[in-house]
PDB file of all heavy atoms in Angstrom:
ATOM      1  N   ALA A   1      86.923  29.890  24.558  1.00  0.00           N
ATOM      2  CA  ALA A   1      88.279  30.295  23.904  1.00  0.00           C
ATOM      3  C   ALA A   1      89.175  30.530  24.999  1.00  0.00           C
ATOM      4  O   ALA A   1      90.412  30.174  24.954  1.00  0.00           O
ATOM      5  CB  ALA A   1      88.121  31.452  23.156  1.00  0.00           C
ATOM      6  N   TRP A   2      88.750  31.215  26.153  1.00  0.00           N
ATOM      7  CA  TRP A   2      89.782  31.589  27.183  1.00  0.00           C
ATOM      8  C   TRP A   2      90.219  30.158  27.805  1.00  0.00           C
ATOM      9  O   TRP A   2      91.482  30.096  28.034  1.00  0.00           O
ATOM     10  CB  TRP A   2      88.985  32.341  28.233  1.00  0.00           C
ATOM     11  CG  TRP A   2      90.005  32.754  29.288  1.00  0.00           C
ATOM     12  CD1 TRP A   2      90.846  33.813  29.395  1.00  0.00           C
ATOM     13  CD2 TRP A   2      90.113  32.006  30.670  1.00  0.00           C
ATOM     14  NE1 TRP A   2      91.472  33.849  30.567  1.00  0.00           N
ATOM     15  CE2 TRP A   2      91.110  32.715  31.290  1.00  0.00           C
ATOM     16  CE3 TRP A   2      89.638  30.900  31.150  1.00  0.00           C
ATOM     17  CZ2 TRP A   2      91.577  32.342  32.617  1.00  0.00           C
ATOM     18  CZ3 TRP A   2      90.059  30.440  32.374  1.00  0.00           C
ATOM     19  CH2 TRP A   2      91.077  31.175  33.103  1.00  0.00           C
ATOM     20  N   HIS A   3      89.495  29.291  28.007  1.00  0.00           N
ATOM     21  CA  HIS A   3      89.952  28.002  28.616  1.00  0.00           C
ATOM     22  C   HIS A   3      90.808  27.277  27.647  1.00  0.00           C
ATOM     23  O   HIS A   3      91.875  26.640  27.962  1.00  0.00           O
ATOM     24  CB  HIS A   3      88.706  27.088  28.958  1.00  0.00           C
ATOM     25  CG  HIS A   3      88.022  27.490  30.236  1.00  0.00           C
ATOM     26  ND1 HIS A   3      88.613  27.359  31.464  1.00  0.00           N
ATOM     27  CD2 HIS A   3      86.820  28.113  30.557  1.00  0.00           C
ATOM     28  CE1 HIS A   3      87.821  27.736  32.441  1.00  0.00           C
ATOM     29  NE2 HIS A   3      86.696  28.292  31.859  1.00  0.00           N
ATOM     30  N   MET A   4      90.529  27.269  26.331  1.00  0.00           N
ATOM     31  CA  MET A   4      91.410  26.653  25.329  1.00  0.00           C
ATOM     32  C   MET A   4      92.731  27.312  25.336  1.00  0.00           C
ATOM     33  O   MET A   4      93.856  26.544  25.270  1.00  0.00           O
ATOM     34  CB  MET A   4      90.701  26.681  23.915  1.00  0.00           C
ATOM     35  CG  MET A   4      89.520  25.797  23.834  1.00  0.00           C
ATOM     36  SD  MET A   4      88.874  25.666  22.298  1.00  0.00           S
ATOM     37  CE  MET A   4      88.987  27.245  21.497  1.00  0.00           C
ATOM     38  N   LEU A   5      92.812  28.513  25.318  1.00  0.00           N
ATOM     39  CA  LEU A   5      94.020  29.310  25.318  1.00  0.00           C
ATOM     40  C   LEU A   5      94.802  29.114  26.594  1.00  0.00           C
ATOM     41  O   LEU A   5      96.154  29.020  26.595  1.00  0.00           O
ATOM     42  CB  LEU A   5      93.834  30.731  25.015  1.00  0.00           C
ATOM     43  CG  LEU A   5      93.402  31.080  23.526  1.00  0.00           C
ATOM     44  CD1 LEU A   5      93.011  32.473  23.399  1.00  0.00           C
ATOM     45  CD2 LEU A   5      94.353  30.529  22.544  1.00  0.00           C
ATOM     46  N   THR A   6      94.093  29.228  27.732  1.00  0.00           N
ATOM     47  CA  THR A   6      94.809  29.150  29.035  1.00  0.00           C
ATOM     48  C   THR A   6      95.326  27.609  29.219  1.00  0.00           C
ATOM     49  O   THR A   6      96.599  27.485  29.679  1.00  0.00           O
ATOM     50  CB  THR A   6      93.820  29.534  30.081  1.00  0.00           C
ATOM     51  OG1 THR A   6      93.426  30.668  29.803  1.00  0.00           O
ATOM     52  CG2 THR A   6      94.573  29.404  31.481  1.00  0.00           C
ATOM     53  N   LEU A   7      94.564  26.647  29.012  1.00  0.00           N
ATOM     54  CA  LEU A   7      95.023  25.337  29.202  1.00  0.00           C
ATOM     55  C   LEU A   7      95.713  24.617  28.095  1.00  0.00           C
ATOM     56  O   LEU A   7      96.089  23.459  28.209  1.00  0.00           O
ATOM     57  CB  LEU A   7      93.699  24.500  29.543  1.00  0.00           C
ATOM     58  CG  LEU A   7      92.994  24.922  30.844  1.00  0.00           C
ATOM     59  CD1 LEU A   7      91.691  24.108  30.990  1.00  0.00           C
ATOM     60  CD2 LEU A   7      93.796  24.840  32.082  1.00  0.00           C
ATOM     61  N   ARG A   8      95.723  25.363  27.045  1.00  0.00           N
ATOM     62  CA  ARG A   8      96.425  24.781  25.754  1.00  0.00           C
ATOM     63  C   ARG A   8      95.758  23.452  25.243  1.00  0.00           C
ATOM     64  O   ARG A   8      96.460  22.520  25.048  1.00  0.00           O
ATOM     65  CB  ARG A   8      97.821  24.602  25.939  1.00  0.00           C
ATOM     66  CG  ARG A   8      98.505  26.021  26.210  1.00  0.00           C
ATOM     67  CD  ARG A   8     100.104  25.837  26.364  1.00  0.00           C
ATOM     68  NE  ARG A   8     100.662  26.996  26.963  1.00  0.00           N
ATOM     69  CZ  ARG A   8     101.280  28.042  26.235  1.00  0.00           C
ATOM     70  NH1 ARG A   8     101.126  27.791  24.817  1.00  0.00           N
ATOM     71  NH2 ARG A   8     101.824  28.977  26.719  1.00  0.00           N
ATOM     72  N   ILE A   9      94.469  23.460  25.225  1.00  0.00           N
ATOM     73  CA  ILE A   9      93.770  22.296  24.709  1.00  0.00           C
ATOM     74  C   ILE A   9      92.851  22.716  23.549  1.00  0.00           C
ATOM     75  O   ILE A   9      92.566  23.857  23.436  1.00  0.00           O
ATOM     76  CB  ILE A   9      93.036  21.644  25.856  1.00  0.00           C
ATOM     77  CG1 ILE A   9      92.023  22.533  26.411  1.00  0.00           C
ATOM     78  CG2 ILE A   9      93.812  21.080  26.881  1.00  0.00           C
ATOM     79  CD1 ILE A   9      91.019  21.789  27.429  1.00  0.00           C
ATOM     80  N   GLY A  10      92.498  21.686  22.769  1.00  0.00           N
ATOM     81  CA  GLY A  10      91.519  21.896  21.686  1.00  0.00           C
ATOM     82  C   GLY A  10      90.071  21.936  22.220  1.00  0.00           C
ATOM     83  O   GLY A  10      89.778  21.453  23.283  1.00  0.00           O
ATOM     84  N   TYR A  11      89.136  22.302  21.480  1.00  0.00           N
ATOM     85  CA  TYR A  11      87.687  22.393  21.815  1.00  0.00           C
ATOM     86  C   TYR A  11      87.235  20.915  21.820  1.00  0.00           C
ATOM     87  O   TYR A  11      87.286  20.324  20.823  1.00  0.00           O
ATOM     88  CB  TYR A  11      86.996  23.240  20.911  1.00  0.00           C
ATOM     89  CG  TYR A  11      85.446  23.349  21.381  1.00  0.00           C
ATOM     90  CD1 TYR A  11      85.099  24.036  22.450  1.00  0.00           C
ATOM     91  CD2 TYR A  11      84.575  22.817  20.347  1.00  0.00           C
ATOM     92  CE1 TYR A  11      83.749  24.130  22.779  1.00  0.00           C
ATOM     93  CE2 TYR A  11      83.220  22.857  20.735  1.00  0.00           C
ATOM     94  CZ  TYR A  11      82.727  23.555  21.874  1.00  0.00           C
ATOM     95  OH  TYR A  11      81.480  23.683  22.286  1.00  0.00           O
ATOM     96  N   GLN A  12      86.590  20.683  22.942  1.00  0.00           N
ATOM     97  CA  GLN A  12      85.893  19.288  22.936  1.00  0.00           C
ATOM     98  C   GLN A  12      84.424  19.662  23.328  1.00  0.00           C
ATOM     99  O   GLN A  12      84.039  20.089  24.422  1.00  0.00           O
ATOM    100  CB  GLN A  12      86.540  18.456  23.989  1.00  0.00           C
ATOM    101  CG  GLN A  12      87.869  18.031  23.713  1.00  0.00           C
ATOM    102  CD  GLN A  12      88.581  17.354  24.926  1.00  0.00           C
ATOM    103  OE1 GLN A  12      87.951  17.319  25.919  1.00  0.00           O
ATOM    104  NE2 GLN A  12      89.758  16.735  24.609  1.00  0.00           N
ATOM    105  N   ASP A  13      83.524  19.403  22.299  1.00  0.00           N
ATOM    106  CA  ASP A  13      82.072  19.696  22.644  1.00  0.00           C
ATOM    107  C   ASP A  13      81.465  18.685  23.528  1.00  0.00           C
ATOM    108  O   ASP A  13      81.814  17.357  23.461  1.00  0.00           O
ATOM    109  CB  ASP A  13      81.362  19.667  21.166  1.00  0.00           C
ATOM    110  CG  ASP A  13      79.959  20.205  21.334  1.00  0.00           C
ATOM    111  OD1 ASP A  13      79.815  21.413  21.674  1.00  0.00           O
ATOM    112  OD2 ASP A  13      79.060  19.499  21.176  1.00  0.00           O
ATOM    113  N   ILE A  14      80.729  19.167  24.495  1.00  0.00           N
ATOM    114  CA  ILE A  14      80.083  18.250  25.434  1.00  0.00           C
ATOM    115  C   ILE A  14      78.784  17.647  24.939  1.00  0.00           C
ATOM    116  O   ILE A  14      78.211  16.851  25.721  1.00  0.00           O
ATOM    117  CB  ILE A  14      80.094  18.816  26.822  1.00  0.00           C
ATOM    118  CG1 ILE A  14      79.209  20.104  26.784  1.00  0.00           C
ATOM    119  CG2 ILE A  14      81.352  19.064  27.375  1.00  0.00           C
ATOM    120  CD1 ILE A  14      79.124  20.916  28.091  1.00  0.00           C
ATOM    121  N   GLY A  15      78.370  18.115  23.802  1.00  0.00           N
ATOM    122  CA  GLY A  15      77.149  17.464  23.290  1.00  0.00           C
ATOM    123  C   GLY A  15      75.941  18.212  23.550  1.00  0.00           C
ATOM    124  O   GLY A  15      75.764  18.926  24.543  1.00  0.00           O
ATOM    125  N   SER A  16      74.987  17.943  22.707  1.00  0.00           N
ATOM    126  CA  SER A  16      73.614  18.626  22.838  1.00  0.00           C
ATOM    127  C   SER A  16      72.789  17.998  24.012  1.00  0.00           C
ATOM    128  O   SER A  16      71.846  18.669  24.351  1.00  0.00           O
ATOM    129  CB  SER A  16      72.925  18.562  21.459  1.00  0.00           C
ATOM    130  OG  SER A  16      72.578  17.218  21.125  1.00  0.00           O
ATOM    131  N   ASP A  17      73.192  16.793  24.464  1.00  0.00           N
ATOM    132  CA  ASP A  17      72.423  16.201  25.536  1.00  0.00           C
ATOM    133  C   ASP A  17      72.955  16.316  26.825  1.00  0.00           C
ATOM    134  O   ASP A  17      72.619  15.821  27.879  1.00  0.00           O
ATOM    135  CB  ASP A  17      72.443  14.630  25.251  1.00  0.00           C
ATOM    136  CG  ASP A  17      73.622  13.964  25.172  1.00  0.00           C
ATOM    137  OD1 ASP A  17      74.699  14.809  25.139  1.00  0.00           O
ATOM    138  OD2 ASP A  17      73.809  12.749  25.208  1.00  0.00           O
ATOM    139  N   TYR A  18      73.888  17.321  26.934  1.00  0.00           N
ATOM    140  CA  TYR A  18      74.547  17.658  28.166  1.00  0.00           C
ATOM    141  C   TYR A  18      73.509  18.179  29.354  1.00  0.00           C
ATOM    142  O   TYR A  18      73.529  17.694  30.420  1.00  0.00           O
ATOM    143  CB  TYR A  18      75.563  18.919  27.994  1.00  0.00           C
ATOM    144  CG  TYR A  18      76.077  19.435  29.261  1.00  0.00           C
ATOM    145  CD1 TYR A  18      76.994  18.697  29.994  1.00  0.00           C
ATOM    146  CD2 TYR A  18      75.592  20.558  29.739  1.00  0.00           C
ATOM    147  CE1 TYR A  18      77.603  19.171  31.162  1.00  0.00           C
ATOM    148  CE2 TYR A  18      76.120  21.069  31.015  1.00  0.00           C
ATOM    149  CZ  TYR A  18      77.181  20.512  31.771  1.00  0.00           C
ATOM    150  OH  TYR A  18      77.615  20.938  32.777  1.00  0.00           O
ATOM    151  N   PHE A  19      72.481  18.921  28.888  1.00  0.00           N
ATOM    152  CA  PHE A  19      71.516  19.345  29.901  1.00  0.00           C
ATOM    153  C   PHE A  19      70.647  18.291  30.402  1.00  0.00           C
ATOM    154  O   PHE A  19      70.264  18.280  31.467  1.00  0.00           O
ATOM    155  CB  PHE A  19      70.636  20.582  29.273  1.00  0.00           C
ATOM    156  CG  PHE A  19      71.493  21.692  28.940  1.00  0.00           C
ATOM    157  CD1 PHE A  19      71.825  22.059  27.761  1.00  0.00           C
ATOM    158  CD2 PHE A  19      71.979  22.450  30.036  1.00  0.00           C
ATOM    159  CE1 PHE A  19      72.585  23.250  27.434  1.00  0.00           C
ATOM    160  CE2 PHE A  19      72.716  23.639  29.799  1.00  0.00           C
ATOM    161  CZ  PHE A  19      73.052  24.026  28.483  1.00  0.00           C
ATOM    162  N   THR A  20      70.295  17.211  29.522  1.00  0.00           N
ATOM    163  CA  THR A  20      69.511  16.123  29.994  1.00  0.00           C
ATOM    164  C   THR A  20      70.343  15.136  30.869  1.00  0.00           C
ATOM    165  O   THR A  20      69.763  14.545  31.782  1.00  0.00           O
ATOM    166  CB  THR A  20      68.938  15.394  28.731  1.00  0.00           C
ATOM    167  OG1 THR A  20      70.042  14.871  28.056  1.00  0.00           O
ATOM    168  CG2 THR A  20      67.919  16.185  28.038  1.00  0.00           C
ATOM    169  N   HIS A  21      71.561  15.184  30.712  1.00  0.00           N
ATOM    170  CA  HIS A  21      72.469  14.314  31.513  1.00  0.00           C
ATOM    171  C   HIS A  21      72.622  14.990  32.879  1.00  0.00           C
ATOM    172  O   HIS A  21      72.839  14.329  33.992  1.00  0.00           O
ATOM    173  CB  HIS A  21      73.833  14.064  30.935  1.00  0.00           C
ATOM    174  CG  HIS A  21      73.845  13.086  29.857  1.00  0.00           C
ATOM    175  ND1 HIS A  21      73.319  11.799  30.129  1.00  0.00           N
ATOM    176  CD2 HIS A  21      74.114  13.085  28.535  1.00  0.00           C
ATOM    177  CE1 HIS A  21      73.504  11.074  28.924  1.00  0.00           C
ATOM    178  NE2 HIS A  21      73.875  11.827  28.003  1.00  0.00           N
ATOM    179  N   LEU A  22      72.546  16.382  32.944  1.00  0.00           N
ATOM    180  CA  LEU A  22      72.754  16.993  34.168  1.00  0.00           C
ATOM    181  C   LEU A  22      71.599  16.755  35.159  1.00  0.00           C
ATOM    182  O   LEU A  22      71.939  16.376  36.297  1.00  0.00           O
ATOM    183  CB  LEU A  22      72.634  18.633  33.945  1.00  0.00           C
ATOM    184  CG  LEU A  22      73.962  19.372  33.757  1.00  0.00           C
ATOM    185  CD1 LEU A  22      73.708  20.828  33.599  1.00  0.00           C
ATOM    186  CD2 LEU A  22      74.830  19.223  35.122  1.00  0.00           C
ATOM    187  N   ASP A  23      70.365  16.773  34.648  1.00  0.00           N
ATOM    188  CA  ASP A  23      69.244  16.319  35.474  1.00  0.00           C
ATOM    189  C   ASP A  23      68.212  15.758  34.668  1.00  0.00           C
ATOM    190  O   ASP A  23      67.313  16.536  34.104  1.00  0.00           O
ATOM    191  CB  ASP A  23      68.690  17.621  36.150  1.00  0.00           C
ATOM    192  CG  ASP A  23      67.708  17.338  37.292  1.00  0.00           C
ATOM    193  OD1 ASP A  23      67.558  16.073  37.524  1.00  0.00           O
ATOM    194  OD2 ASP A  23      67.036  18.147  37.835  1.00  0.00           O
ATOM    195  N   PRO A  24      68.168  14.348  34.534  1.00  0.00           N
ATOM    196  CA  PRO A  24      67.245  13.762  33.682  1.00  0.00           C
ATOM    197  C   PRO A  24      65.709  13.987  34.058  1.00  0.00           C
ATOM    198  O   PRO A  24      64.883  13.875  33.232  1.00  0.00           O
ATOM    199  CB  PRO A  24      67.683  12.329  33.581  1.00  0.00           C
ATOM    200  CG  PRO A  24      68.663  12.138  34.589  1.00  0.00           C
ATOM    201  CD  PRO A  24      69.093  13.510  35.208  1.00  0.00           C
ATOM    202  N   ASN A  25      65.545  14.180  35.318  1.00  0.00           N
ATOM    203  CA  ASN A  25      64.131  14.371  35.864  1.00  0.00           C
ATOM    204  C   ASN A  25      63.613  15.845  35.799  1.00  0.00           C
ATOM    205  O   ASN A  25      62.485  16.087  36.262  1.00  0.00           O
ATOM    206  CB  ASN A  25      64.130  13.736  37.309  1.00  0.00           C
ATOM    207  CG  ASN A  25      64.342  12.405  37.305  1.00  0.00           C
ATOM    208  OD1 ASN A  25      63.994  11.602  36.400  1.00  0.00           O
ATOM    209  ND2 ASN A  25      65.120  11.916  38.378  1.00  0.00           N
ATOM    210  N   ALA A  26      64.533  16.788  35.402  1.00  0.00           N
ATOM    211  CA  ALA A  26      64.106  18.103  35.385  1.00  0.00           C
ATOM    212  C   ALA A  26      62.945  18.362  34.366  1.00  0.00           C
ATOM    213  O   ALA A  26      62.882  17.690  33.266  1.00  0.00           O
ATOM    214  CB  ALA A  26      65.340  18.959  34.939  1.00  0.00           C
ATOM    215  N   PRO A  27      61.939  19.161  34.583  1.00  0.00           N
ATOM    216  CA  PRO A  27      60.819  19.485  33.728  1.00  0.00           C
ATOM    217  C   PRO A  27      61.482  20.139  32.482  1.00  0.00           C
ATOM    218  O   PRO A  27      62.420  20.923  32.642  1.00  0.00           O
ATOM    219  CB  PRO A  27      59.987  20.413  34.552  1.00  0.00           C
ATOM    220  CG  PRO A  27      60.836  21.034  35.617  1.00  0.00           C
ATOM    221  CD  PRO A  27      61.862  20.026  35.786  1.00  0.00           C
TER     222      PRO A  27
END
């Protein structure tokens, strides 16, 4: 919410697969 209000942008969900894209080889 702070980022949305500060940057005056809407919420853009990065998706439930964000953590798998961060490190696909992570256990």
